[in-house]
Protein backbone atom coordinates (compact mmCIF):
# COMPACT_ATOMS: atom_id res chain seq x y z
CA MET A 1 -12.25 200.61 6.61
CA THR A 2 -12.66 196.82 7.96
CA PHE A 3 -13.85 193.44 6.07
CA ARG A 4 -14.93 189.79 7.19
CA SER A 5 -14.04 188.06 3.48
CA GLY A 6 -16.76 184.81 3.05
CA LEU A 7 -18.59 185.53 6.24
CA PHE A 8 -21.79 186.60 4.34
CA ALA A 9 -21.59 183.82 1.68
CA LEU A 10 -24.32 181.51 0.94
CA VAL A 11 -23.64 178.26 1.90
CA ALA A 12 -26.03 175.16 2.41
CA LEU A 13 -27.66 174.49 5.96
CA LEU A 14 -25.51 172.82 8.37
CA ALA A 15 -26.73 170.01 10.26
CA THR A 16 -26.89 170.35 14.16
CA LEU A 17 -23.34 169.63 15.66
CA GLY A 18 -22.51 168.03 18.77
CA LEU A 19 -19.07 167.57 20.32
CA SER A 20 -18.55 165.39 23.54
CA SER A 21 -15.62 165.57 25.62
CA SER A 22 -12.26 164.81 24.57
CA ALA A 23 -11.28 162.61 27.13
CA ALA A 24 -12.51 161.13 30.51
CA ALA A 25 -12.46 164.13 33.30
CA LEU A 26 -12.21 166.67 30.22
CA VAL A 27 -15.27 168.95 29.44
CA THR A 28 -15.36 170.35 25.93
CA VAL A 29 -16.65 174.48 25.79
CA GLY A 30 -17.25 175.69 22.31
CA GLN A 31 -17.37 174.02 19.00
CA THR A 32 -14.87 173.75 15.94
CA ALA A 33 -16.22 173.65 12.48
CA PRO A 34 -17.28 170.10 11.75
CA ASP A 35 -15.10 170.19 8.16
CA LEU A 36 -13.98 172.65 5.88
CA SER A 37 -16.72 173.23 3.58
CA VAL A 38 -18.73 175.73 5.58
CA VAL A 39 -15.93 177.41 7.38
CA ASN A 40 -15.66 181.37 6.25
CA ALA A 41 -12.46 181.78 3.88
CA SER A 42 -11.14 184.54 6.79
CA CYS A 43 -11.73 187.26 9.48
CA ASN A 44 -9.49 189.79 8.34
CA SER A 45 -9.31 193.11 9.42
CA GLU A 46 -7.56 196.37 9.95
CA SER A 47 -7.95 196.82 13.55
CA GLY A 48 -8.72 193.14 14.31
CA TYR A 49 -11.57 192.12 16.43
CA ASN A 50 -12.43 190.94 19.87
CA GLU A 51 -15.59 188.30 19.09
CA LEU A 52 -17.71 186.05 21.38
CA GLN A 53 -20.81 183.82 21.16
CA THR A 54 -24.01 185.16 22.39
CA ARG A 55 -26.88 181.95 21.64
CA VAL A 56 -25.89 178.44 20.32
CA ALA A 57 -28.73 176.56 18.88
CA ALA A 58 -27.55 172.82 19.93
CA GLY A 59 -23.73 171.14 20.90
CA ALA A 60 -21.40 172.75 23.47
CA SER A 61 -22.06 175.98 24.97
CA TYR A 62 -19.03 178.50 24.67
CA GLN A 63 -19.82 179.13 28.33
CA VAL A 64 -17.82 177.45 30.92
CA PRO A 65 -20.31 175.36 33.13
CA THR A 66 -18.24 174.92 36.07
CA ALA A 67 -14.74 176.63 37.64
CA GLY A 68 -11.27 175.11 36.62
CA VAL A 69 -8.63 175.37 34.14
CA LEU A 70 -8.86 175.75 30.54
CA THR A 71 -5.77 173.13 29.36
CA SER A 72 -6.16 173.53 25.59
CA TRP A 73 -7.55 175.43 22.69
CA SER A 74 -8.86 174.53 19.19
CA THR A 75 -10.08 175.56 15.72
CA LEU A 76 -9.83 174.24 11.79
CA PRO A 77 -9.11 177.33 9.62
CA LYS A 78 -9.58 177.42 5.44
CA SER A 79 -7.22 179.73 5.63
CA GLY A 80 -3.86 180.09 7.61
CA GLY A 81 -2.89 183.27 8.97
CA ARG A 82 -3.08 183.87 13.30
CA LEU A 83 -6.07 183.87 15.60
CA GLY A 84 -6.15 184.07 19.50
CA LEU A 85 -7.83 182.29 22.24
CA ALA A 86 -10.16 185.16 24.31
CA ILE A 87 -11.91 184.61 27.24
CA TYR A 88 -14.61 187.03 28.54
CA ARG A 89 -16.67 187.47 32.03
CA PRO A 90 -20.10 188.86 31.75
CA VAL A 91 -20.21 192.13 33.78
CA ALA A 92 -23.61 194.10 34.13
CA GLY A 93 -24.23 193.66 30.20
CA GLN A 94 -20.95 194.14 29.19
CA PHE A 95 -17.23 191.55 29.21
CA LEU A 96 -14.44 191.97 30.69
CA LEU A 97 -11.59 190.30 29.10
CA LEU A 98 -9.92 188.14 31.58
CA ALA A 99 -7.20 186.67 29.66
CA VAL A 100 -6.03 186.23 25.95
CA ASP A 101 -3.42 183.85 24.31
CA GLY A 102 -1.77 184.16 21.66
CA PRO A 103 -2.03 185.42 18.72
CA ARG A 104 -1.18 182.02 17.53
CA ILE A 105 -0.20 181.17 13.86
CA VAL A 106 -2.34 178.05 12.10
CA LEU A 107 -2.11 176.66 8.55
CA ALA A 108 -4.82 176.08 6.31
CA ASN A 109 -6.75 173.39 6.53
CA GLU A 110 -5.26 171.59 9.43
CA PHE A 111 -6.76 171.38 12.52
CA ARG A 112 -4.78 173.35 15.45
CA THR A 113 -4.61 172.35 18.85
CA ILE A 114 -2.58 174.38 21.39
CA PRO A 115 -2.12 173.94 24.82
CA VAL A 116 -2.92 176.22 27.78
CA THR A 117 -3.23 176.77 31.53
CA ILE A 118 -6.19 179.49 31.79
CA PRO A 119 -8.33 179.54 35.31
CA VAL A 120 -11.55 180.45 34.79
CA GLN A 121 -14.77 180.11 36.76
CA ALA A 122 -18.26 179.23 35.90
CA GLY A 123 -20.14 181.71 33.15
CA ASP A 124 -16.98 182.69 31.84
CA ILE A 125 -17.31 182.86 27.87
CA VAL A 126 -14.82 181.48 25.62
CA GLY A 127 -13.98 183.46 22.21
CA LEU A 128 -11.80 184.94 20.21
CA ALA A 129 -9.49 187.83 19.43
CA VAL A 130 -8.69 187.70 16.07
CA PRO A 131 -5.64 189.87 14.95
CA SER A 132 -5.70 192.28 12.24
CA THR A 133 -4.76 191.23 8.86
CA PRO A 134 -3.62 188.38 8.10
CA ALA A 135 -6.09 186.83 10.41
CA ALA A 136 -7.26 182.99 9.80
CA SER A 137 -10.74 181.54 9.93
CA CYS A 138 -12.83 182.48 12.86
CA ALA A 139 -16.21 181.10 12.42
CA PHE A 140 -18.58 178.65 10.46
CA LEU A 141 -21.99 178.82 9.02
CA THR A 142 -24.79 177.20 10.46
CA GLY A 143 -27.50 178.87 8.76
CA ASP A 144 -29.69 178.73 11.77
CA ALA A 145 -30.64 181.89 13.21
CA ALA A 146 -30.57 180.53 16.93
CA ASP A 147 -26.85 180.55 16.27
CA GLU A 148 -25.23 184.32 17.14
CA LEU A 149 -21.99 185.96 17.42
CA ILE A 150 -21.19 188.99 17.92
CA TYR A 151 -17.65 191.79 17.58
CA GLU A 152 -16.24 194.79 17.87
CA SER A 153 -13.57 196.20 15.83
CA GLY A 154 -9.97 196.59 17.81
CA ASN A 155 -8.17 194.40 20.02
CA ALA A 156 -8.87 195.56 23.31
CA PRO A 157 -5.84 194.34 26.35
CA VAL A 158 -6.32 192.23 29.06
CA GLY A 159 -8.47 193.64 32.01
CA THR A 160 -10.65 196.05 29.08
CA THR A 161 -14.53 195.87 29.85
CA ILE A 162 -15.58 195.98 26.21
CA SER A 163 -19.41 196.60 25.45
CA PHE A 164 -20.42 194.72 22.05
CA PRO A 165 -22.61 196.67 19.90
CA PRO A 166 -25.80 195.22 19.13
CA GLU A 167 -25.69 196.29 15.65
CA ASN A 168 -22.27 193.78 15.19
CA THR A 169 -24.70 190.91 15.83
CA GLU A 170 -24.34 188.31 13.18
CA PRO A 171 -27.07 185.15 13.32
CA GLY A 172 -26.34 182.00 11.59
CA PHE A 173 -22.40 181.53 12.60
CA ARG A 174 -20.69 180.20 15.35
CA LEU A 175 -17.13 180.85 16.63
CA ASN A 176 -14.54 178.32 15.01
CA VAL A 177 -12.84 178.03 18.49
CA SER A 178 -13.50 175.09 21.47
CA ALA A 179 -11.75 174.55 24.33
CA THR A 180 -10.67 171.71 27.12
CA LEU A 181 -11.71 172.20 30.40
CA LEU A 182 -10.26 170.60 33.56
CA PRO A 183 -12.60 170.55 36.43
CA PRO A 184 -11.79 170.53 39.83
CA PRO A 185 -11.58 167.65 41.76
CA ALA A 186 -14.01 166.33 43.68
CA ILE A 187 -13.94 163.56 47.01
CA ALA A 188 -16.96 161.57 47.64
CA SER A 189 -14.96 158.90 50.02
CA ILE A 190 -12.41 157.60 51.85
CA SER A 191 -11.97 154.20 52.46
CA PRO A 192 -10.97 152.89 55.27
CA ALA A 193 -11.61 156.15 57.25
CA SER A 194 -9.89 155.65 59.67
CA GLY A 195 -6.36 154.14 60.40
CA SER A 196 -3.29 153.71 62.54
CA ILE A 197 -1.08 156.44 63.29
CA LYS A 198 1.58 154.93 62.01
CA GLY A 199 -0.27 155.64 58.61
CA VAL A 200 -1.97 153.04 56.66
CA LYS A 201 -3.10 152.22 53.17
CA THR A 202 -6.26 154.25 51.71
CA THR A 203 -8.55 154.82 48.64
CA ILE A 204 -9.80 157.89 47.76
CA ALA A 205 -12.82 157.40 45.50
CA GLY A 206 -14.30 160.86 43.31
CA ALA A 207 -13.68 162.28 40.08
CA ASN A 208 -11.51 164.24 38.18
CA PHE A 209 -8.48 162.90 39.35
CA ALA A 210 -6.14 163.00 36.61
CA GLY A 211 -2.96 164.91 37.25
CA ALA A 212 -2.94 164.99 41.12
CA SER A 213 -0.10 166.75 42.16
CA ALA A 214 -0.43 166.53 45.58
CA VAL A 215 -2.92 164.63 48.24
CA SER A 216 -2.88 165.46 52.19
CA PHE A 217 -4.06 164.21 55.66
CA GLY A 218 -4.58 167.29 57.63
CA GLY A 219 -2.68 169.67 55.90
CA VAL A 220 0.56 167.19 56.11
CA PRO A 221 1.66 165.23 52.93
CA ALA A 222 0.95 161.60 52.30
CA LYS A 223 3.60 159.36 52.41
CA SER A 224 3.00 158.10 48.44
CA PHE A 225 0.29 157.90 46.29
CA THR A 226 -1.33 156.60 43.39
CA VAL A 227 -3.52 158.09 40.23
CA ASP A 228 -5.38 155.10 39.67
CA SER A 229 -8.01 156.65 37.54
CA GLU A 230 -9.75 159.71 37.11
CA ALA A 231 -12.01 158.21 40.00
CA GLN A 232 -9.56 156.97 42.17
CA ILE A 233 -6.46 157.69 44.55
CA THR A 234 -4.48 155.43 46.32
CA ALA A 235 -2.22 157.26 49.15
CA VAL A 236 -0.57 155.98 52.28
CA ALA A 237 -1.20 158.20 54.95
CA PRO A 238 1.37 160.09 56.97
CA ALA A 239 2.50 159.56 60.28
CA SER A 240 0.63 161.02 63.14
CA LYS A 241 1.51 162.17 66.79
CA LYS A 242 -1.55 162.40 67.97
CA LEU A 243 -5.16 161.00 68.00
CA SER A 244 -7.54 163.39 65.41
CA LYS A 245 -9.93 163.52 62.68
CA VAL A 246 -8.24 165.60 59.68
CA PRO A 247 -9.33 166.60 56.64
CA VAL A 248 -8.23 164.78 53.01
CA THR A 249 -7.19 167.02 50.12
CA VAL A 250 -6.66 166.39 46.49
CA THR A 251 -4.96 169.19 44.55
CA THR A 252 -4.74 169.13 40.21
CA VAL A 253 -3.93 172.37 38.26
CA ALA A 254 -7.61 172.73 38.59
CA GLY A 255 -8.16 173.33 42.25
CA THR A 256 -7.85 171.89 45.74
CA ALA A 257 -10.95 169.28 47.10
CA ALA A 258 -11.36 168.71 50.85
CA SER A 259 -13.00 166.00 51.83
CA ALA A 260 -16.65 165.91 53.22
CA THR A 261 -16.01 163.47 56.06
CA THR A 262 -12.90 163.68 58.02
CA TYR A 263 -9.89 160.82 58.10
CA ASN A 264 -9.36 159.36 61.95
CA TYR A 265 -6.41 158.51 63.13
CA GLU A 266 -6.16 155.90 65.54
CA GLY A 267 -3.88 154.93 68.31
CA CYS A 268 -2.90 153.75 71.80
CA LYS A 269 -2.92 156.68 74.20
CA VAL A 270 -1.36 154.92 77.13
CA PRO A 271 -3.54 154.86 80.27
CA ASN A 272 -2.33 156.05 83.62
CA LEU A 273 -2.42 152.42 85.56
CA ASP A 274 -0.80 153.55 88.82
CA GLY A 275 -2.73 151.69 92.04
CA LYS A 276 -4.90 149.69 89.50
CA LYS A 277 -5.66 145.85 89.75
CA LEU A 278 -4.50 144.01 86.63
CA LYS A 279 -7.98 143.42 86.06
CA ALA A 280 -9.24 146.69 85.79
CA SER A 281 -6.05 147.45 83.85
CA LYS A 282 -6.98 145.52 81.16
CA LYS A 283 -10.25 147.12 80.77
CA LYS A 284 -8.58 150.19 81.18
CA ALA A 285 -6.33 149.35 78.19
CA ARG A 286 -8.55 147.85 75.59
CA ARG A 287 -10.98 151.41 76.06
CA ALA A 288 -7.83 152.78 74.92
CA ASP A 289 -7.26 150.64 72.22
CA CYS A 290 -3.78 148.99 73.66
CA GLY A 291 -3.19 146.15 75.65
CA ILE A 292 -1.16 144.72 78.85
CA GLY A 293 1.78 142.91 78.07
CA LYS A 294 3.93 141.44 80.42
CA VAL A 295 2.67 141.34 83.81
CA THR A 296 6.08 141.32 86.67
CA LYS A 297 5.09 140.50 90.12
CA LYS A 298 7.23 141.41 92.89
CA GLY A 299 7.02 139.28 96.66
CA ASP A 300 3.60 138.04 97.21
CA ALA A 301 1.64 140.10 94.91
CA THR A 302 -0.86 138.06 92.43
CA ALA A 303 -2.87 139.05 90.01
CA LYS A 304 -5.71 139.21 91.96
CA THR A 305 -3.97 141.01 95.02
CA GLY A 306 -1.57 142.80 93.04
CA GLU A 307 -1.46 146.51 92.19
CA ILE A 308 0.29 148.42 89.42
CA VAL A 309 3.38 150.20 90.59
CA LYS A 310 5.28 150.61 87.35
CA GLN A 311 3.94 150.55 83.63
CA ASN A 312 6.27 150.82 80.32
CA PRO A 313 5.86 152.91 78.02
CA LYS A 314 4.75 155.61 80.69
CA PRO A 315 1.12 157.51 80.35
CA GLY A 316 0.01 160.10 77.79
CA LYS A 317 2.27 158.67 74.87
CA VAL A 318 0.44 157.57 71.35
CA LEU A 319 1.57 154.84 70.13
CA ALA A 320 0.24 152.30 67.55
CA PRO A 321 -3.26 150.71 68.31
CA GLY A 322 -2.76 147.58 70.58
CA THR A 323 0.12 148.81 71.60
CA LYS A 324 1.25 146.77 75.15
CA ILE A 325 1.88 148.08 78.70
CA LYS A 326 4.15 146.10 80.52
CA VAL A 327 3.15 146.35 84.02
CA THR A 328 4.72 145.78 87.72
CA LEU A 329 2.63 144.25 90.70
CA GLU A 330 3.45 144.78 94.33
CA GLU A 331 0.90 144.27 97.13
């Protein structure tokens, strides 16, 4: 026989509850009780429960809005005991139990936040795995029939698909659990969007950059990077041996974002100047983002009459933009 102490006790109607994000990049999923006066005494059971919120009248939804990683979960129990976080995924009218953290020991009348790292997808639901006695406070009363939670007896193992019986629906309550969601990073722009093959400082603008662990250009790690804010990273592009256009990626614990536009490596790809007049060579060098450096004249050669018979660097080399090519003229 099971029982849910105090869950159906008469309590004054609670005003609409709303929760906001606790940090710039974090999204709150679910709700903890606003105060202890509306928390049920306990959710004791001989066999435990799996529980989720099917409807919420107002405030933060218990459904994950976007893919990312849950970084913590919280509860405010009136009674000490144990509670576990559970993540459910709707599947054809049933719910797949994706992950469970706990049960964790919580103390009466003390707000508890537990760090986790749980990957989730949009549409997953934050709920509870209530252990067998003694269990802490799993729900709080709102008195609003638009709030609805549902439960199934027993503690199912992860990977189980659960059918929650409609008769186990409890209107007027919300689960006493919230979680923080870190969405994946997003890249809006790169500035400048091009630079020397030697590597230059670049500003990456976007969102959810907190805790970025890697920045890459075409799969090659940046020389260095600094997370300036949730919306900006300053990175030094790695050197490249070729002129290319590559995507920029930012990685956090919540995933990897790739830029929609590419970063353009610029440089001087040394042209073949053999047999060219000096004037034509200068034009060809400029088109290749190079320049003409020291000019050596052999014999009676002049800038107008001589042709290039030797150059340094050799054709085909990829060097920094504006690299000067030394040439030798001969008639």
